[in-house]
């Protein structure tokens, strides 16, 4: 059974990279953000694309980068989306968040903002590398969290889990609860982008996944902050029903990657993918050269999910009793670590053996 091929395809959520320009050079950045793309879409092009997303029935758009707040006109894009009834969120490193920025978010119709926090102060500051002399990035992120949490915006934190912070997650949870954070998305760092040159040895080992799952399950049950394990954490371990429960409010389980089925990503040059973490090999079209709706409506372009072929599974994934639902877990993680989407060693069930 390929659930991805059976559900009605609708772009419920879009992650929109509105620029690759950034005021940091983070060691784990998947897109190696820094300078803007030479072919970055213009403001009018992005406003037209916002109209296209709304017309397609997209329910929620997250504006990301790079650092989205460095792009002039970010508020215009947010306003255009919100005025059409689309829920708009901002994903930021927090450096440019001040009272004026929060006010502009609210005026633009933004409903929520997420700040990246990748450990306690020493770990976060080592990862979030500045381009010039700068005070603690961790302090700036925490100030941004406090400003957002004291506003009407729903406040979230996004954390990339790696060897340097896996033992700090409990401490981080207490910090986020103390500062009034609504939701905490926790995801594994991918071996992609800048991490390939700054140190793959920072990746969490598959053997660490069962204890990570147990920790996250305990935090989900604590409930002071809504903890959301991302799609690259799983699958079918002993705590699976708990860690999947945060979003829908009841026990659930992993039902496979939905990139190109329920979600899509738009890059700042107009390239379209099913998921923001996917590398360029997964680009299926460009919204500058053809209508976004045409790209989306062509299910064949997302065949890795829409036309999933179980017979292509490899290794332990081919023998797994959950293979028809799981489909090798996170497509991006499988591809990043094995070069194929049909085998994924980052699996809790496999690691728990």
C-alpha atoms as a PDB file:
ATOM      1  CA  UNK A   1       0.000   0.000   0.000  1.00  0.00           C
ATOM      2  CA  UNK A   2       1.374   3.409  -0.999  1.00  0.00           C
ATOM      3  CA  UNK A   3      -0.564   5.877   1.136  1.00  0.00           C
ATOM      4  CA  UNK A   4       1.106   8.815  -0.613  1.00  0.00           C
ATOM      5  CA  UNK A   5      -0.467   7.700  -3.903  1.00  0.00           C
ATOM      6  CA  UNK A   6      -3.933   7.315  -2.394  1.00  0.00           C
ATOM      7  CA  UNK A   7      -4.425  10.589  -0.520  1.00  0.00           C
ATOM      8  CA  UNK A   8      -5.760  13.651  -2.349  1.00  0.00           C
ATOM      9  CA  UNK A   9      -2.723  15.707  -3.360  1.00  0.00           C
ATOM     10  CA  UNK A  10      -3.013  19.260  -2.058  1.00  0.00           C
ATOM     11  CA  UNK A  11      -0.223  21.671  -1.054  1.00  0.00           C
ATOM     12  CA  UNK A  12      -1.159  22.024   2.601  1.00  0.00           C
ATOM     13  CA  UNK A  13       2.190  23.524   3.516  1.00  0.00           C
ATOM     14  CA  UNK A  14       4.897  25.303   1.557  1.00  0.00           C
ATOM     15  CA  UNK A  15       8.368  26.153   2.811  1.00  0.00           C
ATOM     16  CA  UNK A  16       9.487  29.144   0.780  1.00  0.00           C
ATOM     17  CA  UNK A  17      13.139  30.116   0.762  1.00  0.00           C
ATOM     18  CA  UNK A  18      12.846  33.792  -0.143  1.00  0.00           C
ATOM     19  CA  UNK A  19      16.609  34.362  -0.111  1.00  0.00           C
ATOM     20  CA  UNK A  20      19.879  32.540   0.486  1.00  0.00           C
ATOM     21  CA  UNK A  21      21.433  35.718   1.851  1.00  0.00           C
ATOM     22  CA  UNK A  22      22.302  35.343   5.528  1.00  0.00           C
ATOM     23  CA  UNK A  23      24.075  37.195   8.316  1.00  0.00           C
ATOM     24  CA  UNK A  24      25.618  33.934   9.618  1.00  0.00           C
ATOM     25  CA  UNK A  25      27.593  31.030   8.152  1.00  0.00           C
ATOM     26  CA  UNK A  26      26.250  28.126  10.187  1.00  0.00           C
ATOM     27  CA  UNK A  27      28.363  24.981  10.043  1.00  0.00           C
ATOM     28  CA  UNK A  28      25.378  22.705   9.399  1.00  0.00           C
ATOM     29  CA  UNK A  29      23.507  24.813   6.820  1.00  0.00           C
ATOM     30  CA  UNK A  30      21.975  22.562   4.161  1.00  0.00           C
ATOM     31  CA  UNK A  31      21.876  25.305   1.496  1.00  0.00           C
ATOM     32  CA  UNK A  32      25.258  26.826   2.459  1.00  0.00           C
ATOM     33  CA  UNK A  33      23.527  30.178   2.849  1.00  0.00           C
ATOM     34  CA  UNK A  34      25.521  33.391   2.787  1.00  0.00           C
ATOM     35  CA  UNK A  35      25.210  35.407  -0.398  1.00  0.00           C
ATOM     36  CA  UNK A  36      21.977  35.735  -2.361  1.00  0.00           C
ATOM     37  CA  UNK A  37      21.613  33.703  -5.539  1.00  0.00           C
ATOM     38  CA  UNK A  38      22.514  35.634  -8.667  1.00  0.00           C
ATOM     39  CA  UNK A  39      19.175  34.606 -10.158  1.00  0.00           C
ATOM     40  CA  UNK A  40      17.055  35.329  -7.086  1.00  0.00           C
ATOM     41  CA  UNK A  41      13.451  36.136  -7.949  1.00  0.00           C
ATOM     42  CA  UNK A  42      12.450  39.796  -7.940  1.00  0.00           C
ATOM     43  CA  UNK A  43       9.893  41.295  -5.586  1.00  0.00           C
ATOM     44  CA  UNK A  44       7.110  41.431  -8.215  1.00  0.00           C
ATOM     45  CA  UNK A  45       7.832  37.825  -9.194  1.00  0.00           C
ATOM     46  CA  UNK A  46       7.511  36.715  -5.596  1.00  0.00           C
ATOM     47  CA  UNK A  47       4.265  38.610  -5.091  1.00  0.00           C
ATOM     48  CA  UNK A  48       2.843  36.890  -8.169  1.00  0.00           C
ATOM     49  CA  UNK A  49       4.014  33.547  -6.790  1.00  0.00           C
ATOM     50  CA  UNK A  50       2.262  34.339  -3.504  1.00  0.00           C
ATOM     51  CA  UNK A  51      -0.954  34.771  -5.486  1.00  0.00           C
ATOM     52  CA  UNK A  52      -0.340  31.431  -7.180  1.00  0.00           C
ATOM     53  CA  UNK A  53       0.092  29.643  -3.847  1.00  0.00           C
ATOM     54  CA  UNK A  54      -3.143  31.116  -2.547  1.00  0.00           C
ATOM     55  CA  UNK A  55      -5.010  30.157  -5.729  1.00  0.00           C
ATOM     56  CA  UNK A  56      -3.737  26.578  -5.363  1.00  0.00           C
ATOM     57  CA  UNK A  57      -5.291  26.375  -1.910  1.00  0.00           C
ATOM     58  CA  UNK A  58      -2.043  26.302   0.032  1.00  0.00           C
ATOM     59  CA  UNK A  59      -2.998  26.594   3.680  1.00  0.00           C
ATOM     60  CA  UNK A  60       0.303  27.557   5.299  1.00  0.00           C
ATOM     61  CA  UNK A  61       3.579  29.078   4.127  1.00  0.00           C
ATOM     62  CA  UNK A  62       6.799  29.285   6.128  1.00  0.00           C
ATOM     63  CA  UNK A  63       9.174  31.996   4.896  1.00  0.00           C
ATOM     64  CA  UNK A  64      12.788  30.911   5.332  1.00  0.00           C
ATOM     65  CA  UNK A  65      16.264  31.568   3.992  1.00  0.00           C
ATOM     66  CA  UNK A  66      19.118  32.057   4.429  1.00  0.00           C
ATOM     67  CA  UNK A  67      17.779  34.605   6.844  1.00  0.00           C
ATOM     68  CA  UNK A  68      14.410  35.789   5.486  1.00  0.00           C
ATOM     69  CA  UNK A  69      14.474  39.032   7.473  1.00  0.00           C
ATOM     70  CA  UNK A  70      17.488  40.317   5.521  1.00  0.00           C
ATOM     71  CA  UNK A  71      15.428  40.352   2.332  1.00  0.00           C
ATOM     72  CA  UNK A  72      13.826  43.689   1.601  1.00  0.00           C
ATOM     73  CA  UNK A  73      10.157  43.152   0.995  1.00  0.00           C
ATOM     74  CA  UNK A  74       9.719  40.104   3.235  1.00  0.00           C
ATOM     75  CA  UNK A  75       6.781  41.859   4.879  1.00  0.00           C
ATOM     76  CA  UNK A  76       5.195  42.554   1.469  1.00  0.00           C
ATOM     77  CA  UNK A  77       5.332  38.841   0.634  1.00  0.00           C
ATOM     78  CA  UNK A  78       3.836  37.960   4.020  1.00  0.00           C
ATOM     79  CA  UNK A  79       1.094  40.557   3.617  1.00  0.00           C
ATOM     80  CA  UNK A  80       0.202  39.286   0.146  1.00  0.00           C
ATOM     81  CA  UNK A  81      -0.147  35.720   1.413  1.00  0.00           C
ATOM     82  CA  UNK A  82      -2.031  36.628   4.582  1.00  0.00           C
ATOM     83  CA  UNK A  83      -4.478  38.860   2.707  1.00  0.00           C
ATOM     84  CA  UNK A  84      -5.502  35.770   0.717  1.00  0.00           C
ATOM     85  CA  UNK A  85      -6.140  33.737   3.854  1.00  0.00           C
ATOM     86  CA  UNK A  86      -2.839  31.840   3.937  1.00  0.00           C
ATOM     87  CA  UNK A  87      -1.293  31.240   7.361  1.00  0.00           C
ATOM     88  CA  UNK A  88       2.206  32.768   7.331  1.00  0.00           C
ATOM     89  CA  UNK A  89       5.125  31.891   9.575  1.00  0.00           C
ATOM     90  CA  UNK A  90       8.685  33.186   9.690  1.00  0.00           C
ATOM     91  CA  UNK A  91      11.754  31.011  10.393  1.00  0.00           C
ATOM     92  CA  UNK A  92      14.642  33.145  11.653  1.00  0.00           C
ATOM     93  CA  UNK A  93      17.971  32.973  13.455  1.00  0.00           C
ATOM     94  CA  UNK A  94      16.728  35.790  15.676  1.00  0.00           C
ATOM     95  CA  UNK A  95      19.506  38.326  15.091  1.00  0.00           C
ATOM     96  CA  UNK A  96      17.207  40.883  13.437  1.00  0.00           C
ATOM     97  CA  UNK A  97      14.194  40.375  15.685  1.00  0.00           C
ATOM     98  CA  UNK A  98      13.386  43.475  17.723  1.00  0.00           C
ATOM     99  CA  UNK A  99      10.216  45.290  18.777  1.00  0.00           C
ATOM    100  CA  UNK A 100       9.858  46.915  15.355  1.00  0.00           C
ATOM    101  CA  UNK A 101      10.268  43.583  13.546  1.00  0.00           C
ATOM    102  CA  UNK A 102       7.632  41.908  15.719  1.00  0.00           C
ATOM    103  CA  UNK A 103       5.270  44.813  15.038  1.00  0.00           C
ATOM    104  CA  UNK A 104       5.871  44.460  11.281  1.00  0.00           C
ATOM    105  CA  UNK A 105       5.142  40.731  11.482  1.00  0.00           C
ATOM    106  CA  UNK A 106       1.834  41.407  13.196  1.00  0.00           C
ATOM    107  CA  UNK A 107       0.943  44.182  10.760  1.00  0.00           C
ATOM    108  CA  UNK A 108       1.711  41.855   7.827  1.00  0.00           C
ATOM    109  CA  UNK A 109      -0.605  39.177   9.188  1.00  0.00           C
ATOM    110  CA  UNK A 110       2.095  36.711  10.256  1.00  0.00           C
ATOM    111  CA  UNK A 111       0.675  34.229  12.770  1.00  0.00           C
ATOM    112  CA  UNK A 112       3.831  32.602  14.093  1.00  0.00           C
ATOM    113  CA  UNK A 113       7.607  32.689  14.129  1.00  0.00           C
ATOM    114  CA  UNK A 114      10.249  30.042  14.786  1.00  0.00           C
ATOM    115  CA  UNK A 115      13.749  30.778  16.068  1.00  0.00           C
ATOM    116  CA  UNK A 116      16.620  28.380  15.445  1.00  0.00           C
ATOM    117  CA  UNK A 117      18.387  27.286  18.641  1.00  0.00           C
ATOM    118  CA  UNK A 118      20.958  24.523  18.298  1.00  0.00           C
ATOM    119  CA  UNK A 119      22.126  23.952  21.855  1.00  0.00           C
ATOM    120  CA  UNK A 120      22.958  25.863  24.974  1.00  0.00           C
ATOM    121  CA  UNK A 121      25.112  28.993  24.644  1.00  0.00           C
ATOM    122  CA  UNK A 122      28.559  27.493  23.989  1.00  0.00           C
ATOM    123  CA  UNK A 123      27.323  24.886  21.508  1.00  0.00           C
ATOM    124  CA  UNK A 124      24.945  27.230  19.673  1.00  0.00           C
ATOM    125  CA  UNK A 125      27.543  29.980  19.301  1.00  0.00           C
ATOM    126  CA  UNK A 126      30.116  27.522  17.937  1.00  0.00           C
ATOM    127  CA  UNK A 127      27.695  26.393  15.225  1.00  0.00           C
ATOM    128  CA  UNK A 128      26.198  29.788  14.350  1.00  0.00           C
ATOM    129  CA  UNK A 129      29.325  31.385  12.900  1.00  0.00           C
ATOM    130  CA  UNK A 130      29.225  35.203  12.480  1.00  0.00           C
ATOM    131  CA  UNK A 131      30.628  37.009   9.457  1.00  0.00           C
ATOM    132  CA  UNK A 132      32.086  39.768  11.638  1.00  0.00           C
ATOM    133  CA  UNK A 133      32.719  40.424  15.305  1.00  0.00           C
ATOM    134  CA  UNK A 134      29.411  39.825  17.034  1.00  0.00           C
ATOM    135  CA  UNK A 135      28.125  39.173  20.531  1.00  0.00           C
ATOM    136  CA  UNK A 136      26.612  35.831  21.496  1.00  0.00           C
ATOM    137  CA  UNK A 137      24.192  34.534  18.850  1.00  0.00           C
ATOM    138  CA  UNK A 138      22.566  32.452  21.591  1.00  0.00           C
ATOM    139  CA  UNK A 139      21.781  35.578  23.601  1.00  0.00           C
ATOM    140  CA  UNK A 140      20.287  37.181  20.487  1.00  0.00           C
ATOM    141  CA  UNK A 141      18.163  34.112  19.791  1.00  0.00           C
ATOM    142  CA  UNK A 142      16.901  34.052  23.360  1.00  0.00           C
ATOM    143  CA  UNK A 143      16.027  37.765  23.214  1.00  0.00           C
ATOM    144  CA  UNK A 144      14.093  37.092  20.021  1.00  0.00           C
ATOM    145  CA  UNK A 145      12.242  34.216  21.674  1.00  0.00           C
ATOM    146  CA  UNK A 146      11.259  36.435  24.592  1.00  0.00           C
ATOM    147  CA  UNK A 147      10.021  39.210  22.307  1.00  0.00           C
ATOM    148  CA  UNK A 148       7.981  36.784  20.218  1.00  0.00           C
ATOM    149  CA  UNK A 149       6.600  34.928  23.234  1.00  0.00           C
ATOM    150  CA  UNK A 150       5.374  38.180  24.757  1.00  0.00           C
ATOM    151  CA  UNK A 151       3.495  39.019  21.542  1.00  0.00           C
ATOM    152  CA  UNK A 152       0.339  37.458  20.056  1.00  0.00           C
ATOM    153  CA  UNK A 153       2.509  35.411  17.666  1.00  0.00           C
ATOM    154  CA  UNK A 154       2.707  31.664  18.193  1.00  0.00           C
ATOM    155  CA  UNK A 155       6.345  31.120  19.144  1.00  0.00           C
ATOM    156  CA  UNK A 156       8.353  28.073  18.146  1.00  0.00           C
ATOM    157  CA  UNK A 157      11.960  26.927  18.312  1.00  0.00           C
ATOM    158  CA  UNK A 158      13.665  24.661  15.783  1.00  0.00           C
ATOM    159  CA  UNK A 159      16.644  22.575  16.878  1.00  0.00           C
ATOM    160  CA  UNK A 160      19.009  20.508  14.765  1.00  0.00           C
ATOM    161  CA  UNK A 161      20.129  17.523  16.853  1.00  0.00           C
ATOM    162  CA  UNK A 162      23.799  16.574  16.598  1.00  0.00           C
ATOM    163  CA  UNK A 163      26.423  14.993  18.822  1.00  0.00           C
ATOM    164  CA  UNK A 164      27.223  18.315  20.450  1.00  0.00           C
ATOM    165  CA  UNK A 165      23.712  18.955  21.780  1.00  0.00           C
ATOM    166  CA  UNK A 166      22.010  15.582  22.146  1.00  0.00           C
ATOM    167  CA  UNK A 167      22.881  15.539  25.845  1.00  0.00           C
ATOM    168  CA  UNK A 168      21.600  19.108  26.293  1.00  0.00           C
ATOM    169  CA  UNK A 169      18.081  18.519  24.999  1.00  0.00           C
ATOM    170  CA  UNK A 170      16.556  18.052  28.437  1.00  0.00           C
ATOM    171  CA  UNK A 171      18.167  21.281  29.621  1.00  0.00           C
ATOM    172  CA  UNK A 172      16.965  23.050  26.491  1.00  0.00           C
ATOM    173  CA  UNK A 173      13.403  21.870  27.092  1.00  0.00           C
ATOM    174  CA  UNK A 174      13.417  23.390  30.570  1.00  0.00           C
ATOM    175  CA  UNK A 175      14.757  26.645  29.122  1.00  0.00           C
ATOM    176  CA  UNK A 176      12.057  26.804  26.450  1.00  0.00           C
ATOM    177  CA  UNK A 177       9.310  26.040  28.960  1.00  0.00           C
ATOM    178  CA  UNK A 178      10.628  28.807  31.201  1.00  0.00           C
ATOM    179  CA  UNK A 179      10.590  31.296  28.320  1.00  0.00           C
ATOM    180  CA  UNK A 180       7.036  30.534  27.212  1.00  0.00           C
ATOM    181  CA  UNK A 181       7.753  28.779  23.910  1.00  0.00           C
ATOM    182  CA  UNK A 182       4.660  27.168  22.401  1.00  0.00           C
ATOM    183  CA  UNK A 183       6.253  24.495  20.210  1.00  0.00           C
ATOM    184  CA  UNK A 184       9.660  22.890  19.730  1.00  0.00           C
ATOM    185  CA  UNK A 185      10.530  21.125  16.465  1.00  0.00           C
ATOM    186  CA  UNK A 186      13.420  18.717  16.884  1.00  0.00           C
ATOM    187  CA  UNK A 187      15.147  17.279  13.820  1.00  0.00           C
ATOM    188  CA  UNK A 188      18.336  15.422  13.004  1.00  0.00           C
ATOM    189  CA  UNK A 189      21.126  17.299  11.284  1.00  0.00           C
ATOM    190  CA  UNK A 190      21.548  16.096   7.698  1.00  0.00           C
ATOM    191  CA  UNK A 191      24.931  15.301   6.114  1.00  0.00           C
ATOM    192  CA  UNK A 192      24.326  17.929   3.449  1.00  0.00           C
ATOM    193  CA  UNK A 193      25.558  21.357   2.449  1.00  0.00           C
ATOM    194  CA  UNK A 194      28.189  23.015   4.610  1.00  0.00           C
ATOM    195  CA  UNK A 195      28.372  20.106   7.045  1.00  0.00           C
ATOM    196  CA  UNK A 196      30.124  18.058   4.371  1.00  0.00           C
ATOM    197  CA  UNK A 197      33.149  20.342   4.719  1.00  0.00           C
ATOM    198  CA  UNK A 198      32.870  21.298   8.404  1.00  0.00           C
ATOM    199  CA  UNK A 199      32.586  17.808   9.862  1.00  0.00           C
ATOM    200  CA  UNK A 200      30.298  14.844   9.244  1.00  0.00           C
ATOM    201  CA  UNK A 201      31.516  13.462  12.587  1.00  0.00           C
ATOM    202  CA  UNK A 202      28.993  15.796  14.247  1.00  0.00           C
ATOM    203  CA  UNK A 203      26.108  13.657  13.044  1.00  0.00           C
ATOM    204  CA  UNK A 204      24.148  11.701  15.608  1.00  0.00           C
ATOM    205  CA  UNK A 205      24.868   7.976  15.240  1.00  0.00           C
ATOM    206  CA  UNK A 206      22.006   5.592  14.456  1.00  0.00           C
ATOM    207  CA  UNK A 207      22.833   3.816  17.715  1.00  0.00           C
ATOM    208  CA  UNK A 208      21.869   7.020  19.587  1.00  0.00           C
ATOM    209  CA  UNK A 209      18.353   7.069  18.166  1.00  0.00           C
ATOM    210  CA  UNK A 210      16.602   4.811  20.727  1.00  0.00           C
ATOM    211  CA  UNK A 211      17.670   7.003  23.641  1.00  0.00           C
ATOM    212  CA  UNK A 212      16.744  10.115  21.670  1.00  0.00           C
ATOM    213  CA  UNK A 213      13.303   8.650  21.052  1.00  0.00           C
ATOM    214  CA  UNK A 214      12.861   7.811  24.732  1.00  0.00           C
ATOM    215  CA  UNK A 215      13.877  11.336  25.749  1.00  0.00           C
ATOM    216  CA  UNK A 216      11.522  12.966  23.264  1.00  0.00           C
ATOM    217  CA  UNK A 217       8.650  10.705  24.314  1.00  0.00           C
ATOM    218  CA  UNK A 218       9.121  11.832  27.903  1.00  0.00           C
ATOM    219  CA  UNK A 219       9.116  15.485  26.869  1.00  0.00           C
ATOM    220  CA  UNK A 220       6.017  15.025  24.705  1.00  0.00           C
ATOM    221  CA  UNK A 221       4.233  13.549  27.711  1.00  0.00           C
ATOM    222  CA  UNK A 222       5.434  16.355  29.986  1.00  0.00           C
ATOM    223  CA  UNK A 223       3.419  18.746  27.845  1.00  0.00           C
ATOM    224  CA  UNK A 224       4.649  22.167  28.975  1.00  0.00           C
ATOM    225  CA  UNK A 225       5.980  22.728  25.453  1.00  0.00           C
ATOM    226  CA  UNK A 226       4.547  20.970  22.398  1.00  0.00           C
ATOM    227  CA  UNK A 227       7.459  18.827  21.201  1.00  0.00           C
ATOM    228  CA  UNK A 228       7.339  17.894  17.514  1.00  0.00           C
ATOM    229  CA  UNK A 229       9.905  15.332  16.330  1.00  0.00           C
ATOM    230  CA  UNK A 230      10.521  15.982  12.643  1.00  0.00           C
ATOM    231  CA  UNK A 231      10.082  13.444   9.868  1.00  0.00           C
ATOM    232  CA  UNK A 232      13.713  12.327   9.967  1.00  0.00           C
ATOM    233  CA  UNK A 233      13.295  10.941  13.507  1.00  0.00           C
ATOM    234  CA  UNK A 234      11.652   7.480  13.712  1.00  0.00           C
ATOM    235  CA  UNK A 235      10.471   4.805  12.863  1.00  0.00           C
ATOM    236  CA  UNK A 236       8.309   2.194  14.593  1.00  0.00           C
ATOM    237  CA  UNK A 237      10.300   2.168  17.823  1.00  0.00           C
ATOM    238  CA  UNK A 238       8.701   1.420  21.157  1.00  0.00           C
ATOM    239  CA  UNK A 239       7.730   5.086  21.659  1.00  0.00           C
ATOM    240  CA  UNK A 240       6.507   5.715  18.098  1.00  0.00           C
ATOM    241  CA  UNK A 241       2.830   6.314  19.045  1.00  0.00           C
ATOM    242  CA  UNK A 242       3.858   8.949  21.585  1.00  0.00           C
ATOM    243  CA  UNK A 243       6.367  10.925  19.548  1.00  0.00           C
ATOM    244  CA  UNK A 244       3.925  11.161  16.625  1.00  0.00           C
ATOM    245  CA  UNK A 245       1.083  12.382  18.843  1.00  0.00           C
ATOM    246  CA  UNK A 246       2.059  16.024  19.332  1.00  0.00           C
ATOM    247  CA  UNK A 247       0.538  17.426  16.140  1.00  0.00           C
ATOM    248  CA  UNK A 248      -2.762  15.546  16.008  1.00  0.00           C
ATOM    249  CA  UNK A 249      -3.338  15.147  19.748  1.00  0.00           C
ATOM    250  CA  UNK A 250      -3.574  11.361  19.794  1.00  0.00           C
ATOM    251  CA  UNK A 251      -1.300   8.377  19.320  1.00  0.00           C
ATOM    252  CA  UNK A 252      -0.214   7.917  15.734  1.00  0.00           C
ATOM    253  CA  UNK A 253       2.559   6.374  13.683  1.00  0.00           C
ATOM    254  CA  UNK A 254       4.756   7.216  10.716  1.00  0.00           C
ATOM    255  CA  UNK A 255       3.014   6.783   7.376  1.00  0.00           C
ATOM    256  CA  UNK A 256       5.808   7.734   5.008  1.00  0.00           C
ATOM    257  CA  UNK A 257       7.273  10.809   3.368  1.00  0.00           C
ATOM    258  CA  UNK A 258       4.616  13.164   1.976  1.00  0.00           C
ATOM    259  CA  UNK A 259       6.909  15.502   0.026  1.00  0.00           C
ATOM    260  CA  UNK A 260       5.225  16.425  -3.231  1.00  0.00           C
ATOM    261  CA  UNK A 261       1.913  15.121  -1.926  1.00  0.00           C
ATOM    262  CA  UNK A 262       1.013  17.425   0.963  1.00  0.00           C
ATOM    263  CA  UNK A 263       4.020  19.717   1.003  1.00  0.00           C
ATOM    264  CA  UNK A 264       6.328  21.551  -1.352  1.00  0.00           C
ATOM    265  CA  UNK A 265       9.292  23.885  -1.284  1.00  0.00           C
ATOM    266  CA  UNK A 266      10.112  26.883  -3.437  1.00  0.00           C
ATOM    267  CA  UNK A 267      13.708  28.111  -3.675  1.00  0.00           C
ATOM    268  CA  UNK A 268      14.602  31.774  -4.072  1.00  0.00           C
ATOM    269  CA  UNK A 269      15.361  31.299  -7.778  1.00  0.00           C
ATOM    270  CA  UNK A 270      11.990  29.641  -8.419  1.00  0.00           C
ATOM    271  CA  UNK A 271      13.146  26.015  -8.277  1.00  0.00           C
ATOM    272  CA  UNK A 272      10.467  23.690  -6.890  1.00  0.00           C
ATOM    273  CA  UNK A 273      11.025  20.580  -4.746  1.00  0.00           C
ATOM    274  CA  UNK A 274       8.824  18.475  -2.525  1.00  0.00           C
ATOM    275  CA  UNK A 275      10.747  19.262   0.675  1.00  0.00           C
ATOM    276  CA  UNK A 276      13.138  22.066   1.703  1.00  0.00           C
ATOM    277  CA  UNK A 277      15.782  19.605   2.922  1.00  0.00           C
ATOM    278  CA  UNK A 278      16.046  17.844  -0.422  1.00  0.00           C
ATOM    279  CA  UNK A 279      19.188  18.600  -2.456  1.00  0.00           C
ATOM    280  CA  UNK A 280      19.041  19.958  -6.000  1.00  0.00           C
ATOM    281  CA  UNK A 281      18.725  16.460  -7.454  1.00  0.00           C
ATOM    282  CA  UNK A 282      15.062  16.593  -6.406  1.00  0.00           C
ATOM    283  CA  UNK A 283      14.183  19.826  -8.248  1.00  0.00           C
ATOM    284  CA  UNK A 284      11.138  19.098 -10.431  1.00  0.00           C
ATOM    285  CA  UNK A 285      10.658  22.422 -12.206  1.00  0.00           C
ATOM    286  CA  UNK A 286      11.005  26.169 -11.959  1.00  0.00           C
ATOM    287  CA  UNK A 287       8.123  28.543 -11.200  1.00  0.00           C
ATOM    288  CA  UNK A 288       9.776  31.251 -13.250  1.00  0.00           C
ATOM    289  CA  UNK A 289       9.588  29.222 -16.425  1.00  0.00           C
ATOM    290  CA  UNK A 290       6.197  27.568 -16.005  1.00  0.00           C
ATOM    291  CA  UNK A 291       3.157  28.046 -13.754  1.00  0.00           C
ATOM    292  CA  UNK A 292       3.593  26.679 -10.252  1.00  0.00           C
ATOM    293  CA  UNK A 293       0.191  24.993 -10.488  1.00  0.00           C
ATOM    294  CA  UNK A 294       1.301  23.079 -13.597  1.00  0.00           C
ATOM    295  CA  UNK A 295       4.378  21.809 -11.785  1.00  0.00           C
ATOM    296  CA  UNK A 296       2.345  20.721  -8.792  1.00  0.00           C
ATOM    297  CA  UNK A 297      -0.440  19.084 -10.775  1.00  0.00           C
ATOM    298  CA  UNK A 298       2.022  16.852 -12.618  1.00  0.00           C
ATOM    299  CA  UNK A 299       2.211  14.045 -10.059  1.00  0.00           C
ATOM    300  CA  UNK A 300       4.782  12.214 -12.174  1.00  0.00           C
ATOM    301  CA  UNK A 301       7.381  14.806 -11.229  1.00  0.00           C
ATOM    302  CA  UNK A 302       7.173  13.609  -7.636  1.00  0.00           C
ATOM    303  CA  UNK A 303       7.303   9.949  -8.614  1.00  0.00           C
ATOM    304  CA  UNK A 304       9.604   9.049  -5.719  1.00  0.00           C
ATOM    305  CA  UNK A 305       6.427   9.244  -3.638  1.00  0.00           C
ATOM    306  CA  UNK A 306       3.478   9.238  -6.035  1.00  0.00           C
ATOM    307  CA  UNK A 307       4.752   6.150  -7.888  1.00  0.00           C
ATOM    308  CA  UNK A 308       6.654   4.470  -5.089  1.00  0.00           C
ATOM    309  CA  UNK A 309       8.062   1.081  -6.072  1.00  0.00           C
ATOM    310  CA  UNK A 310       8.489  -1.247  -3.108  1.00  0.00           C
ATOM    311  CA  UNK A 311      10.607  -3.648  -5.160  1.00  0.00           C
ATOM    312  CA  UNK A 312      13.426  -1.080  -5.216  1.00  0.00           C
ATOM    313  CA  UNK A 313      13.920  -1.164  -1.428  1.00  0.00           C
ATOM    314  CA  UNK A 314      17.365  -2.281  -0.360  1.00  0.00           C
ATOM    315  CA  UNK A 315      19.068  -3.735   2.687  1.00  0.00           C
ATOM    316  CA  UNK A 316      17.131  -4.008   5.914  1.00  0.00           C
ATOM    317  CA  UNK A 317      14.422  -1.689   4.572  1.00  0.00           C
ATOM    318  CA  UNK A 318      13.573  -4.358   1.977  1.00  0.00           C
ATOM    319  CA  UNK A 319      12.981  -6.904   4.738  1.00  0.00           C
ATOM    320  CA  UNK A 320      11.169  -4.641   7.207  1.00  0.00           C
ATOM    321  CA  UNK A 321       7.563  -5.592   8.087  1.00  0.00           C
ATOM    322  CA  UNK A 322       6.629  -1.884   7.992  1.00  0.00           C
ATOM    323  CA  UNK A 323       8.164  -1.234   4.566  1.00  0.00           C
ATOM    324  CA  UNK A 324       4.885  -0.562   2.734  1.00  0.00           C
ATOM    325  CA  UNK A 325       3.927   2.262   5.089  1.00  0.00           C
ATOM    326  CA  UNK A 326       7.360   3.554   6.063  1.00  0.00           C
ATOM    327  CA  UNK A 327       8.896   3.632   2.559  1.00  0.00           C
ATOM    328  CA  UNK A 328      12.397   3.944   4.051  1.00  0.00           C
ATOM    329  CA  UNK A 329      11.545   6.833   6.341  1.00  0.00           C
ATOM    330  CA  UNK A 330      12.742  10.331   5.509  1.00  0.00           C
ATOM    331  CA  UNK A 331      13.542  10.488   1.801  1.00  0.00           C
ATOM    332  CA  UNK A 332      16.200  13.166   2.263  1.00  0.00           C
ATOM    333  CA  UNK A 333      18.018  11.376   5.079  1.00  0.00           C
ATOM    334  CA  UNK A 334      18.057   8.096   3.164  1.00  0.00           C
ATOM    335  CA  UNK A 335      19.440   9.826   0.072  1.00  0.00           C
ATOM    336  CA  UNK A 336      21.996  11.851   2.029  1.00  0.00           C
ATOM    337  CA  UNK A 337      23.529   8.882   3.863  1.00  0.00           C
ATOM    338  CA  UNK A 338      23.224   6.093   1.283  1.00  0.00           C
ATOM    339  CA  UNK A 339      22.851   7.801  -2.098  1.00  0.00           C
ATOM    340  CA  UNK A 340      19.500   6.068  -2.585  1.00  0.00           C
ATOM    341  CA  UNK A 341      16.010   6.732  -1.252  1.00  0.00           C
ATOM    342  CA  UNK A 342      15.452   3.003  -0.742  1.00  0.00           C
ATOM    343  CA  UNK A 343      17.616   2.303   2.310  1.00  0.00           C
ATOM    344  CA  UNK A 344      17.782   4.320   5.519  1.00  0.00           C
ATOM    345  CA  UNK A 345      20.046   3.311   8.424  1.00  0.00           C
ATOM    346  CA  UNK A 346      18.704   6.224  10.513  1.00  0.00           C
ATOM    347  CA  UNK A 347      15.865   4.058  11.812  1.00  0.00           C
ATOM    348  CA  UNK A 348      15.075   3.506  15.486  1.00  0.00           C
ATOM    349  CA  UNK A 349      13.600   0.060  14.874  1.00  0.00           C
ATOM    350  CA  UNK A 350      16.790  -1.008  13.081  1.00  0.00           C
ATOM    351  CA  UNK A 351      19.053   0.538  15.730  1.00  0.00           C
ATOM    352  CA  UNK A 352      17.072  -1.059  18.564  1.00  0.00           C
ATOM    353  CA  UNK A 353      17.496  -4.386  16.786  1.00  0.00           C
END
